[in-house]
Amino acid sequence: MRISFLILTPACVLLGYGTAAWRCGQVSVFYFVLTLIGAISAHVSVNAFNEYFDFTSGLDFRTERTPFSGGSGTLPQKPDVASYVLITAIVTFVIAGLIGLYFLYVRGLLLLPIGVLGLLIVLTYTSWLTGNPLLCLIAPGLGFGTLMVMGTDFVLTGQYSWTALFASLVPFFLVSDLLLLNQFPDVEADQGIGRRHLPIVVGRKISSIVYGAFLLLAYLSIISGVYLEYLPTATLIGSATVLVAVPASVGAFRYSHDVKNLVRCMGLNVMITILTPVLVAIGLFIG
């Protein structure tokens, strides 16, 4: 399940809760908790599918493991539990799907595109999307940003909004960046099993420039949302993490081929990805 990584999900769901609360005031706590359970289930499912497929493909035996990439290392040590990992992936996928069906019944068919696309990303990320550089780049951001934030906002309010869209762009760019940077240490190993993500296709150096551009776009999303009055001025506090983003971006470019020094940048990247949506959510609660 990679429990320590699951903190990202509450941060993104909280952002969707913040956009709904800022627009509508009181929202259903029950719907929020149910949404959180569904989102965590989807996250556990994609993690478990990834763990299973990385083991069965042999990738786990090729990667240089870091605290932020290369898998958990569980299955190479305990191959007999592989079937339980697959069962975990399927069961949590079903839980997420059932909660999605409940909200589809409650809120109507307008939620269907978000639900279907989200489940497709969970199912196909490791087995298919990692073979396409563009889809592999944007799929994590779509899942945790656009779909999770806008989906949370929709089930709480019953309608889509520009506020949720602009807020969702923050984790869209940051979570895409999170997975992008985590691919740097695994280039050779991933290439060996047929993956074609951005660092493989264009190289680590150019990918580090894309990483920096996505960081910039995340902060521009906040500023644009405030300028257009879709987000309250208080959400600008989310821009405070730029103080961490600058050294992370410079370090990613400088140490793109140096895993030992890159790990520090990967740690800063995790901090940015979690703190920024939380700060934006706090700004929404402040109003």
C-alpha atoms as a PDB file:
ATOM      1  CA  MET A   1       0.000   0.000   0.000  1.00  0.00           C
ATOM      2  CA  ARG A   2       3.013   2.303   0.593  1.00  0.00           C
ATOM      3  CA  ILE A   3       1.255   3.830   3.604  1.00  0.00           C
ATOM      4  CA  SER A   4       3.690   6.728   4.006  1.00  0.00           C
ATOM      5  CA  PHE A   5       2.843   7.974   0.505  1.00  0.00           C
ATOM      6  CA  LEU A   6      -0.913   8.054   1.130  1.00  0.00           C
ATOM      7  CA  ILE A   7      -0.741  11.451   2.874  1.00  0.00           C
ATOM      8  CA  LEU A   8      -0.940  13.016  -0.590  1.00  0.00           C
ATOM      9  CA  THR A   9      -4.575  11.926  -0.975  1.00  0.00           C
ATOM     10  CA  PRO A  10      -6.002  13.753   2.088  1.00  0.00           C
ATOM     11  CA  ALA A  11      -4.123  16.884   0.959  1.00  0.00           C
ATOM     12  CA  CYS A  12      -5.827  16.817  -2.456  1.00  0.00           C
ATOM     13  CA  VAL A  13      -9.270  15.905  -1.097  1.00  0.00           C
ATOM     14  CA  LEU A  14      -8.927  18.690   1.483  1.00  0.00           C
ATOM     15  CA  LEU A  15      -8.336  21.123  -1.378  1.00  0.00           C
ATOM     16  CA  GLY A  16     -11.594  20.003  -3.033  1.00  0.00           C
ATOM     17  CA  TYR A  17     -13.363  20.373   0.304  1.00  0.00           C
ATOM     18  CA  GLY A  18     -11.923  23.882   0.581  1.00  0.00           C
ATOM     19  CA  THR A  19     -13.222  24.990  -2.829  1.00  0.00           C
ATOM     20  CA  ALA A  20     -16.685  23.604  -2.012  1.00  0.00           C
ATOM     21  CA  ALA A  21     -16.788  25.217   1.438  1.00  0.00           C
ATOM     22  CA  TRP A  22     -15.607  28.588   0.112  1.00  0.00           C
ATOM     23  CA  ARG A  23     -18.315  28.607  -2.553  1.00  0.00           C
ATOM     24  CA  CYS A  24     -21.216  27.091  -0.616  1.00  0.00           C
ATOM     25  CA  GLY A  25     -20.459  27.421   3.082  1.00  0.00           C
ATOM     26  CA  GLN A  26     -21.726  24.280   4.815  1.00  0.00           C
ATOM     27  CA  VAL A  27     -21.148  20.966   3.029  1.00  0.00           C
ATOM     28  CA  SER A  28     -21.883  17.365   3.994  1.00  0.00           C
ATOM     29  CA  VAL A  29     -19.257  15.910   6.335  1.00  0.00           C
ATOM     30  CA  PHE A  30     -20.571  12.429   5.490  1.00  0.00           C
ATOM     31  CA  TYR A  31     -19.981  13.003   1.764  1.00  0.00           C
ATOM     32  CA  PHE A  32     -16.514  14.362   2.537  1.00  0.00           C
ATOM     33  CA  VAL A  33     -15.530  11.308   4.617  1.00  0.00           C
ATOM     34  CA  LEU A  34     -16.944   8.929   1.986  1.00  0.00           C
ATOM     35  CA  THR A  35     -15.038  10.782  -0.735  1.00  0.00           C
ATOM     36  CA  LEU A  36     -11.841  10.524   1.303  1.00  0.00           C
ATOM     37  CA  ILE A  37     -12.322   6.764   1.745  1.00  0.00           C
ATOM     38  CA  GLY A  38     -12.898   6.347  -1.986  1.00  0.00           C
ATOM     39  CA  ALA A  39      -9.867   8.469  -2.896  1.00  0.00           C
ATOM     40  CA  ILE A  40      -7.577   6.618  -0.476  1.00  0.00           C
ATOM     41  CA  SER A  41      -8.888   3.299  -1.833  1.00  0.00           C
ATOM     42  CA  ALA A  42      -8.019   4.399  -5.377  1.00  0.00           C
ATOM     43  CA  HIS A  43      -4.551   5.481  -4.244  1.00  0.00           C
ATOM     44  CA  VAL A  44      -3.934   2.182  -2.441  1.00  0.00           C
ATOM     45  CA  SER A  45      -5.148   0.323  -5.532  1.00  0.00           C
ATOM     46  CA  VAL A  46      -2.790   2.075  -7.960  1.00  0.00           C
ATOM     47  CA  ASN A  47       0.101   1.597  -5.511  1.00  0.00           C
ATOM     48  CA  ALA A  48      -0.656  -2.115  -5.124  1.00  0.00           C
ATOM     49  CA  PHE A  49      -1.073  -2.649  -8.881  1.00  0.00           C
ATOM     50  CA  ASN A  50       2.249  -0.870  -9.364  1.00  0.00           C
ATOM     51  CA  GLU A  51       3.911  -3.020  -6.710  1.00  0.00           C
ATOM     52  CA  TYR A  52       2.566  -6.213  -8.289  1.00  0.00           C
ATOM     53  CA  PHE A  53       3.417  -5.378 -11.904  1.00  0.00           C
ATOM     54  CA  ASP A  54       6.889  -4.063 -11.024  1.00  0.00           C
ATOM     55  CA  PHE A  55       7.581  -7.399  -9.359  1.00  0.00           C
ATOM     56  CA  THR A  56       6.148  -9.647 -12.083  1.00  0.00           C
ATOM     57  CA  SER A  57       7.929  -7.658 -14.829  1.00  0.00           C
ATOM     58  CA  GLY A  58      11.260  -8.056 -13.044  1.00  0.00           C
ATOM     59  CA  LEU A  59      11.678  -4.294 -12.588  1.00  0.00           C
ATOM     60  CA  ASP A  60      12.044  -4.606  -8.813  1.00  0.00           C
ATOM     61  CA  PHE A  61      15.264  -6.556  -9.348  1.00  0.00           C
ATOM     62  CA  ARG A  62      16.759  -3.835 -11.583  1.00  0.00           C
ATOM     63  CA  THR A  63      15.992  -0.571  -9.787  1.00  0.00           C
ATOM     64  CA  GLU A  64      18.273   1.456  -7.552  1.00  0.00           C
ATOM     65  CA  ARG A  65      15.917   1.957  -4.608  1.00  0.00           C
ATOM     66  CA  THR A  66      15.698   5.375  -2.901  1.00  0.00           C
ATOM     67  CA  PRO A  67      13.368   6.598  -0.118  1.00  0.00           C
ATOM     68  CA  PHE A  68      11.101   8.034  -2.831  1.00  0.00           C
ATOM     69  CA  SER A  69      11.430   5.692  -5.805  1.00  0.00           C
ATOM     70  CA  GLY A  70      12.180   2.134  -6.829  1.00  0.00           C
ATOM     71  CA  GLY A  71       9.227   0.496  -5.059  1.00  0.00           C
ATOM     72  CA  SER A  72       8.977  -0.753  -1.497  1.00  0.00           C
ATOM     73  CA  GLY A  73      11.195  -3.814  -2.010  1.00  0.00           C
ATOM     74  CA  THR A  74       8.641  -6.000  -0.257  1.00  0.00           C
ATOM     75  CA  LEU A  75       7.895  -8.552  -2.973  1.00  0.00           C
ATOM     76  CA  PRO A  76      11.512  -9.390  -3.892  1.00  0.00           C
ATOM     77  CA  GLN A  77      11.957 -10.288  -0.204  1.00  0.00           C
ATOM     78  CA  LYS A  78       8.568 -12.021   0.141  1.00  0.00           C
ATOM     79  CA  PRO A  79       7.519 -13.277  -3.304  1.00  0.00           C
ATOM     80  CA  ASP A  80       4.934 -15.617  -1.770  1.00  0.00           C
ATOM     81  CA  VAL A  81       2.672 -12.657  -0.884  1.00  0.00           C
ATOM     82  CA  ALA A  82       2.395 -11.393  -4.477  1.00  0.00           C
ATOM     83  CA  SER A  83      -1.128 -12.778  -4.824  1.00  0.00           C
ATOM     84  CA  TYR A  84      -2.207 -10.852  -1.710  1.00  0.00           C
ATOM     85  CA  VAL A  85      -0.867  -7.641  -3.216  1.00  0.00           C
ATOM     86  CA  LEU A  86      -2.952  -8.238  -6.341  1.00  0.00           C
ATOM     87  CA  ILE A  87      -6.022  -8.995  -4.199  1.00  0.00           C
ATOM     88  CA  THR A  88      -5.424  -5.757  -2.277  1.00  0.00           C
ATOM     89  CA  ALA A  89      -5.289  -3.847  -5.562  1.00  0.00           C
ATOM     90  CA  ILE A  90      -8.533  -5.391  -6.807  1.00  0.00           C
ATOM     91  CA  VAL A  91     -10.469  -5.038  -3.540  1.00  0.00           C
ATOM     92  CA  THR A  92      -9.553  -1.377  -3.068  1.00  0.00           C
ATOM     93  CA  PHE A  93     -10.344  -0.734  -6.740  1.00  0.00           C
ATOM     94  CA  VAL A  94     -13.815  -2.202  -6.197  1.00  0.00           C
ATOM     95  CA  ILE A  95     -14.312  -0.094  -3.042  1.00  0.00           C
ATOM     96  CA  ALA A  96     -13.432   3.057  -4.974  1.00  0.00           C
ATOM     97  CA  GLY A  97     -15.770   2.013  -7.778  1.00  0.00           C
ATOM     98  CA  LEU A  98     -18.676   1.309  -5.439  1.00  0.00           C
ATOM     99  CA  ILE A  99     -18.309   4.675  -3.730  1.00  0.00           C
ATOM    100  CA  GLY A 100     -18.199   6.260  -7.174  1.00  0.00           C
ATOM    101  CA  LEU A 101     -21.445   4.483  -8.102  1.00  0.00           C
ATOM    102  CA  TYR A 102     -23.092   5.772  -4.923  1.00  0.00           C
ATOM    103  CA  PHE A 103     -22.178   9.360  -5.777  1.00  0.00           C
ATOM    104  CA  LEU A 104     -23.270   8.786  -9.368  1.00  0.00           C
ATOM    105  CA  TYR A 105     -26.682   7.848  -8.008  1.00  0.00           C
ATOM    106  CA  VAL A 106     -26.751  10.821  -5.637  1.00  0.00           C
ATOM    107  CA  ARG A 107     -25.311  13.505  -7.926  1.00  0.00           C
ATOM    108  CA  GLY A 108     -26.147  12.293 -11.436  1.00  0.00           C
ATOM    109  CA  LEU A 109     -24.406  11.430 -14.678  1.00  0.00           C
ATOM    110  CA  LEU A 110     -22.291  14.595 -14.818  1.00  0.00           C
ATOM    111  CA  LEU A 111     -19.919  12.855 -12.413  1.00  0.00           C
ATOM    112  CA  LEU A 112     -19.475   9.884 -14.770  1.00  0.00           C
ATOM    113  CA  PRO A 113     -16.540  11.229 -16.879  1.00  0.00           C
ATOM    114  CA  ILE A 114     -14.449  11.943 -13.772  1.00  0.00           C
ATOM    115  CA  GLY A 115     -15.222   8.553 -12.237  1.00  0.00           C
ATOM    116  CA  VAL A 116     -14.546   6.513 -15.365  1.00  0.00           C
ATOM    117  CA  LEU A 117     -11.325   8.354 -16.218  1.00  0.00           C
ATOM    118  CA  GLY A 118     -10.071   8.023 -12.647  1.00  0.00           C
ATOM    119  CA  LEU A 119     -10.641   4.274 -12.557  1.00  0.00           C
ATOM    120  CA  LEU A 120      -9.026   3.871 -15.988  1.00  0.00           C
ATOM    121  CA  ILE A 121      -5.897   5.660 -14.766  1.00  0.00           C
ATOM    122  CA  VAL A 122      -5.729   3.364 -11.722  1.00  0.00           C
ATOM    123  CA  LEU A 123      -6.023   0.269 -13.926  1.00  0.00           C
ATOM    124  CA  THR A 124      -3.697   1.279 -16.745  1.00  0.00           C
ATOM    125  CA  TYR A 125      -1.009   3.525 -15.223  1.00  0.00           C
ATOM    126  CA  THR A 126       1.694   0.909 -14.659  1.00  0.00           C
ATOM    127  CA  SER A 127       0.739  -1.543 -17.399  1.00  0.00           C
ATOM    128  CA  TRP A 128       0.084   0.918 -20.248  1.00  0.00           C
ATOM    129  CA  LEU A 129       0.420   4.635 -19.520  1.00  0.00           C
ATOM    130  CA  THR A 130       4.106   4.314 -18.601  1.00  0.00           C
ATOM    131  CA  GLY A 131       4.713   3.366 -22.240  1.00  0.00           C
ATOM    132  CA  ASN A 132       3.619   6.809 -23.469  1.00  0.00           C
ATOM    133  CA  PRO A 133       5.777   9.811 -22.443  1.00  0.00           C
ATOM    134  CA  LEU A 134       3.006  12.432 -22.497  1.00  0.00           C
ATOM    135  CA  LEU A 135       0.322  10.299 -20.848  1.00  0.00           C
ATOM    136  CA  CYS A 136       2.777   9.073 -18.223  1.00  0.00           C
ATOM    137  CA  LEU A 137       3.672  12.692 -17.446  1.00  0.00           C
ATOM    138  CA  ILE A 138       0.143  14.030 -17.014  1.00  0.00           C
ATOM    139  CA  ALA A 139      -1.750  10.975 -15.680  1.00  0.00           C
ATOM    140  CA  PRO A 140      -0.641  11.405 -12.026  1.00  0.00           C
ATOM    141  CA  GLY A 141      -1.617  15.076 -12.086  1.00  0.00           C
ATOM    142  CA  LEU A 142      -4.952  14.280 -13.705  1.00  0.00           C
ATOM    143  CA  GLY A 143      -5.686  11.653 -11.070  1.00  0.00           C
ATOM    144  CA  PHE A 144      -4.714  13.605  -7.962  1.00  0.00           C
ATOM    145  CA  GLY A 145      -5.381  17.089  -9.291  1.00  0.00           C
ATOM    146  CA  THR A 146      -8.106  17.534 -11.879  1.00  0.00           C
ATOM    147  CA  LEU A 147     -10.131  14.424 -11.023  1.00  0.00           C
ATOM    148  CA  MET A 148      -9.675  14.248  -7.247  1.00  0.00           C
ATOM    149  CA  VAL A 149     -10.090  17.944  -6.479  1.00  0.00           C
ATOM    150  CA  MET A 150     -12.876  18.622  -8.977  1.00  0.00           C
ATOM    151  CA  GLY A 151     -14.544  15.312  -8.118  1.00  0.00           C
ATOM    152  CA  THR A 152     -14.546  16.145  -4.400  1.00  0.00           C
ATOM    153  CA  ASP A 153     -15.906  19.610  -5.108  1.00  0.00           C
ATOM    154  CA  PHE A 154     -18.640  18.175  -7.343  1.00  0.00           C
ATOM    155  CA  VAL A 155     -19.905  15.522  -4.919  1.00  0.00           C
ATOM    156  CA  LEU A 156     -20.056  18.166  -2.181  1.00  0.00           C
ATOM    157  CA  THR A 157     -21.812  20.834  -4.259  1.00  0.00           C
ATOM    158  CA  GLY A 158     -23.494  19.033  -7.159  1.00  0.00           C
ATOM    159  CA  GLN A 159     -21.884  21.242  -9.792  1.00  0.00           C
ATOM    160  CA  TYR A 160     -18.571  21.989 -11.463  1.00  0.00           C
ATOM    161  CA  SER A 161     -16.845  25.326 -10.915  1.00  0.00           C
ATOM    162  CA  TRP A 162     -13.976  27.442 -12.146  1.00  0.00           C
ATOM    163  CA  THR A 163     -12.807  27.696  -8.537  1.00  0.00           C
ATOM    164  CA  ALA A 164     -12.295  23.930  -8.352  1.00  0.00           C
ATOM    165  CA  LEU A 165     -10.634  23.907 -11.772  1.00  0.00           C
ATOM    166  CA  PHE A 166      -8.035  26.538 -10.876  1.00  0.00           C
ATOM    167  CA  ALA A 167      -7.398  24.923  -7.490  1.00  0.00           C
ATOM    168  CA  SER A 168      -7.005  21.513  -9.146  1.00  0.00           C
ATOM    169  CA  LEU A 169      -4.260  22.825 -11.422  1.00  0.00           C
ATOM    170  CA  VAL A 170      -1.971  23.155  -8.398  1.00  0.00           C
ATOM    171  CA  PRO A 171      -1.781  19.402  -7.630  1.00  0.00           C
ATOM    172  CA  PHE A 172      -2.064  18.667 -11.363  1.00  0.00           C
ATOM    173  CA  PHE A 173       1.341  20.201 -12.004  1.00  0.00           C
ATOM    174  CA  LEU A 174       2.891  19.258  -8.654  1.00  0.00           C
ATOM    175  CA  VAL A 175       1.896  15.578  -8.625  1.00  0.00           C
ATOM    176  CA  SER A 176       2.953  15.198 -12.263  1.00  0.00           C
ATOM    177  CA  ASP A 177       6.274  16.685 -11.161  1.00  0.00           C
ATOM    178  CA  LEU A 178       6.447  14.317  -8.195  1.00  0.00           C
ATOM    179  CA  LEU A 179       6.298  11.241 -10.401  1.00  0.00           C
ATOM    180  CA  LEU A 180       8.517  12.842 -13.047  1.00  0.00           C
ATOM    181  CA  LEU A 181      11.408  13.496 -10.673  1.00  0.00           C
ATOM    182  CA  ASN A 182      11.015  10.066  -9.071  1.00  0.00           C
ATOM    183  CA  GLN A 183      11.612   8.513 -12.501  1.00  0.00           C
ATOM    184  CA  PHE A 184      15.133   9.952 -12.776  1.00  0.00           C
ATOM    185  CA  PRO A 185      16.911   7.222 -10.759  1.00  0.00           C
ATOM    186  CA  ASP A 186      15.042   4.450 -12.623  1.00  0.00           C
ATOM    187  CA  VAL A 187      15.753   5.423 -16.248  1.00  0.00           C
ATOM    188  CA  GLU A 188      17.959   2.460 -17.145  1.00  0.00           C
ATOM    189  CA  ALA A 189      15.844  -0.065 -15.241  1.00  0.00           C
ATOM    190  CA  ASP A 190      12.571   1.235 -16.704  1.00  0.00           C
ATOM    191  CA  GLN A 191      13.993   1.282 -20.202  1.00  0.00           C
ATOM    192  CA  GLY A 192      15.010  -2.345 -19.792  1.00  0.00           C
ATOM    193  CA  ILE A 193      11.381  -3.468 -19.426  1.00  0.00           C
ATOM    194  CA  GLY A 194      10.014  -1.283 -22.242  1.00  0.00           C
ATOM    195  CA  ARG A 195       8.796   1.834 -20.441  1.00  0.00           C
ATOM    196  CA  ARG A 196       8.949   5.158 -22.312  1.00  0.00           C
ATOM    197  CA  HIS A 197       8.474   7.974 -19.836  1.00  0.00           C
ATOM    198  CA  LEU A 198       9.881  11.460 -20.391  1.00  0.00           C
ATOM    199  CA  PRO A 199      13.367  11.014 -18.853  1.00  0.00           C
ATOM    200  CA  ILE A 200      13.882   7.985 -21.108  1.00  0.00           C
ATOM    201  CA  VAL A 201      12.688   9.706 -24.291  1.00  0.00           C
ATOM    202  CA  VAL A 202      14.205  13.198 -23.932  1.00  0.00           C
ATOM    203  CA  GLY A 203      16.778  12.625 -21.201  1.00  0.00           C
ATOM    204  CA  ARG A 204      17.081  13.719 -17.597  1.00  0.00           C
ATOM    205  CA  LYS A 205      18.407  17.209 -18.359  1.00  0.00           C
ATOM    206  CA  ILE A 206      15.495  18.282 -20.536  1.00  0.00           C
ATOM    207  CA  SER A 207      13.106  16.556 -18.126  1.00  0.00           C
ATOM    208  CA  SER A 208      14.523  18.656 -15.297  1.00  0.00           C
ATOM    209  CA  ILE A 209      13.609  21.775 -17.306  1.00  0.00           C
ATOM    210  CA  VAL A 210      10.065  20.416 -17.698  1.00  0.00           C
ATOM    211  CA  TYR A 211      10.082  19.818 -13.938  1.00  0.00           C
ATOM    212  CA  GLY A 212      10.970  23.458 -13.278  1.00  0.00           C
ATOM    213  CA  ALA A 213       8.341  24.664 -15.772  1.00  0.00           C
ATOM    214  CA  PHE A 214       5.626  22.611 -14.058  1.00  0.00           C
ATOM    215  CA  LEU A 215       6.599  24.082 -10.683  1.00  0.00           C
ATOM    216  CA  LEU A 216       6.240  27.558 -12.163  1.00  0.00           C
ATOM    217  CA  LEU A 217       2.863  26.686 -13.695  1.00  0.00           C
ATOM    218  CA  ALA A 218       1.575  25.454 -10.325  1.00  0.00           C
ATOM    219  CA  TYR A 219       2.262  28.842  -8.744  1.00  0.00           C
ATOM    220  CA  LEU A 220       0.926  30.706 -11.779  1.00  0.00           C
ATOM    221  CA  SER A 221      -2.305  28.720 -11.385  1.00  0.00           C
ATOM    222  CA  ILE A 222      -2.767  30.162  -7.893  1.00  0.00           C
ATOM    223  CA  ILE A 223      -1.930  33.691  -9.004  1.00  0.00           C
ATOM    224  CA  SER A 224      -4.196  33.455 -12.073  1.00  0.00           C
ATOM    225  CA  GLY A 225      -7.075  32.104 -10.005  1.00  0.00           C
ATOM    226  CA  VAL A 226      -6.764  35.004  -7.566  1.00  0.00           C
ATOM    227  CA  TYR A 227      -6.398  37.581 -10.364  1.00  0.00           C
ATOM    228  CA  LEU A 228      -9.544  36.274 -12.085  1.00  0.00           C
ATOM    229  CA  GLU A 229     -11.332  36.164  -8.708  1.00  0.00           C
ATOM    230  CA  TYR A 230     -11.997  32.439  -8.843  1.00  0.00           C
ATOM    231  CA  LEU A 231      -9.827  31.985  -5.752  1.00  0.00           C
ATOM    232  CA  PRO A 232      -9.711  34.219  -2.652  1.00  0.00           C
ATOM    233  CA  THR A 233      -6.621  36.335  -2.083  1.00  0.00           C
ATOM    234  CA  ALA A 234      -5.733  34.257   0.987  1.00  0.00           C
ATOM    235  CA  THR A 235      -4.887  31.271  -1.252  1.00  0.00           C
ATOM    236  CA  LEU A 236      -1.704  33.122  -2.237  1.00  0.00           C
ATOM    237  CA  ILE A 237      -0.201  31.645   0.930  1.00  0.00           C
ATOM    238  CA  GLY A 238       0.213  28.503  -1.161  1.00  0.00           C
ATOM    239  CA  SER A 239       2.956  30.364  -3.012  1.00  0.00           C
ATOM    240  CA  ALA A 240       5.084  30.318   0.148  1.00  0.00           C
ATOM    241  CA  THR A 241       6.510  26.941  -0.880  1.00  0.00           C
ATOM    242  CA  VAL A 242       8.318  28.664  -3.751  1.00  0.00           C
ATOM    243  CA  LEU A 243      11.098  29.104  -1.180  1.00  0.00           C
ATOM    244  CA  VAL A 244      11.544  25.332  -1.339  1.00  0.00           C
ATOM    245  CA  ALA A 245      10.699  25.001  -5.032  1.00  0.00           C
ATOM    246  CA  VAL A 246      13.584  27.170  -6.221  1.00  0.00           C
ATOM    247  CA  PRO A 247      16.380  25.055  -4.661  1.00  0.00           C
ATOM    248  CA  ALA A 248      14.509  21.882  -5.676  1.00  0.00           C
ATOM    249  CA  SER A 249      14.356  23.003  -9.298  1.00  0.00           C
ATOM    250  CA  VAL A 250      17.982  24.146  -9.393  1.00  0.00           C
ATOM    251  CA  GLY A 251      19.078  20.906  -7.729  1.00  0.00           C
ATOM    252  CA  ALA A 252      17.066  18.761 -10.140  1.00  0.00           C
ATOM    253  CA  PHE A 253      18.841  20.398 -13.077  1.00  0.00           C
ATOM    254  CA  ARG A 254      22.289  20.288 -11.477  1.00  0.00           C
ATOM    255  CA  TYR A 255      22.055  16.727 -10.144  1.00  0.00           C
ATOM    256  CA  SER A 256      19.854  15.153 -12.816  1.00  0.00           C
ATOM    257  CA  HIS A 257      22.426  12.359 -13.284  1.00  0.00           C
ATOM    258  CA  ASP A 258      23.599  12.185  -9.673  1.00  0.00           C
ATOM    259  CA  VAL A 259      21.180  10.038  -7.683  1.00  0.00           C
ATOM    260  CA  LYS A 260      22.965  10.538  -4.378  1.00  0.00           C
ATOM    261  CA  ASN A 261      22.503  14.322  -4.465  1.00  0.00           C
ATOM    262  CA  LEU A 262      19.165  14.139  -6.298  1.00  0.00           C
ATOM    263  CA  VAL A 263      17.552  12.365  -3.341  1.00  0.00           C
ATOM    264  CA  ARG A 264      17.589  15.615  -1.343  1.00  0.00           C
ATOM    265  CA  CYS A 265      15.723  17.352  -4.179  1.00  0.00           C
ATOM    266  CA  MET A 266      13.227  14.490  -4.269  1.00  0.00           C
ATOM    267  CA  GLY A 267      12.585  15.020  -0.559  1.00  0.00           C
ATOM    268  CA  LEU A 268      12.030  18.755  -1.100  1.00  0.00           C
ATOM    269  CA  ASN A 269       9.715  17.857  -3.975  1.00  0.00           C
ATOM    270  CA  VAL A 270       7.523  15.719  -1.695  1.00  0.00           C
ATOM    271  CA  MET A 271       7.321  18.618   0.765  1.00  0.00           C
ATOM    272  CA  ILE A 272       6.227  21.027  -1.987  1.00  0.00           C
ATOM    273  CA  THR A 273       3.634  18.617  -3.375  1.00  0.00           C
ATOM    274  CA  ILE A 274       1.915  18.062  -0.037  1.00  0.00           C
ATOM    275  CA  LEU A 275       2.252  21.488   1.596  1.00  0.00           C
ATOM    276  CA  THR A 276       1.158  23.634  -1.347  1.00  0.00           C
ATOM    277  CA  PRO A 277      -2.368  22.151  -1.767  1.00  0.00           C
ATOM    278  CA  VAL A 278      -2.824  22.188   2.024  1.00  0.00           C
ATOM    279  CA  LEU A 279      -1.855  25.881   2.191  1.00  0.00           C
ATOM    280  CA  VAL A 280      -4.194  26.716  -0.693  1.00  0.00           C
ATOM    281  CA  ALA A 281      -6.969  24.835   1.137  1.00  0.00           C
ATOM    282  CA  ILE A 282      -6.236  26.843   4.300  1.00  0.00           C
ATOM    283  CA  GLY A 283      -6.473  30.006   2.215  1.00  0.00           C
ATOM    284  CA  LEU A 284      -9.903  28.895   1.004  1.00  0.00           C
ATOM    285  CA  PHE A 285     -11.055  28.276   4.580  1.00  0.00           C
ATOM    286  CA  ILE A 286      -9.789  31.732   5.586  1.00  0.00           C
ATOM    287  CA  GLY A 287     -11.580  33.183   2.544  1.00  0.00           C
END
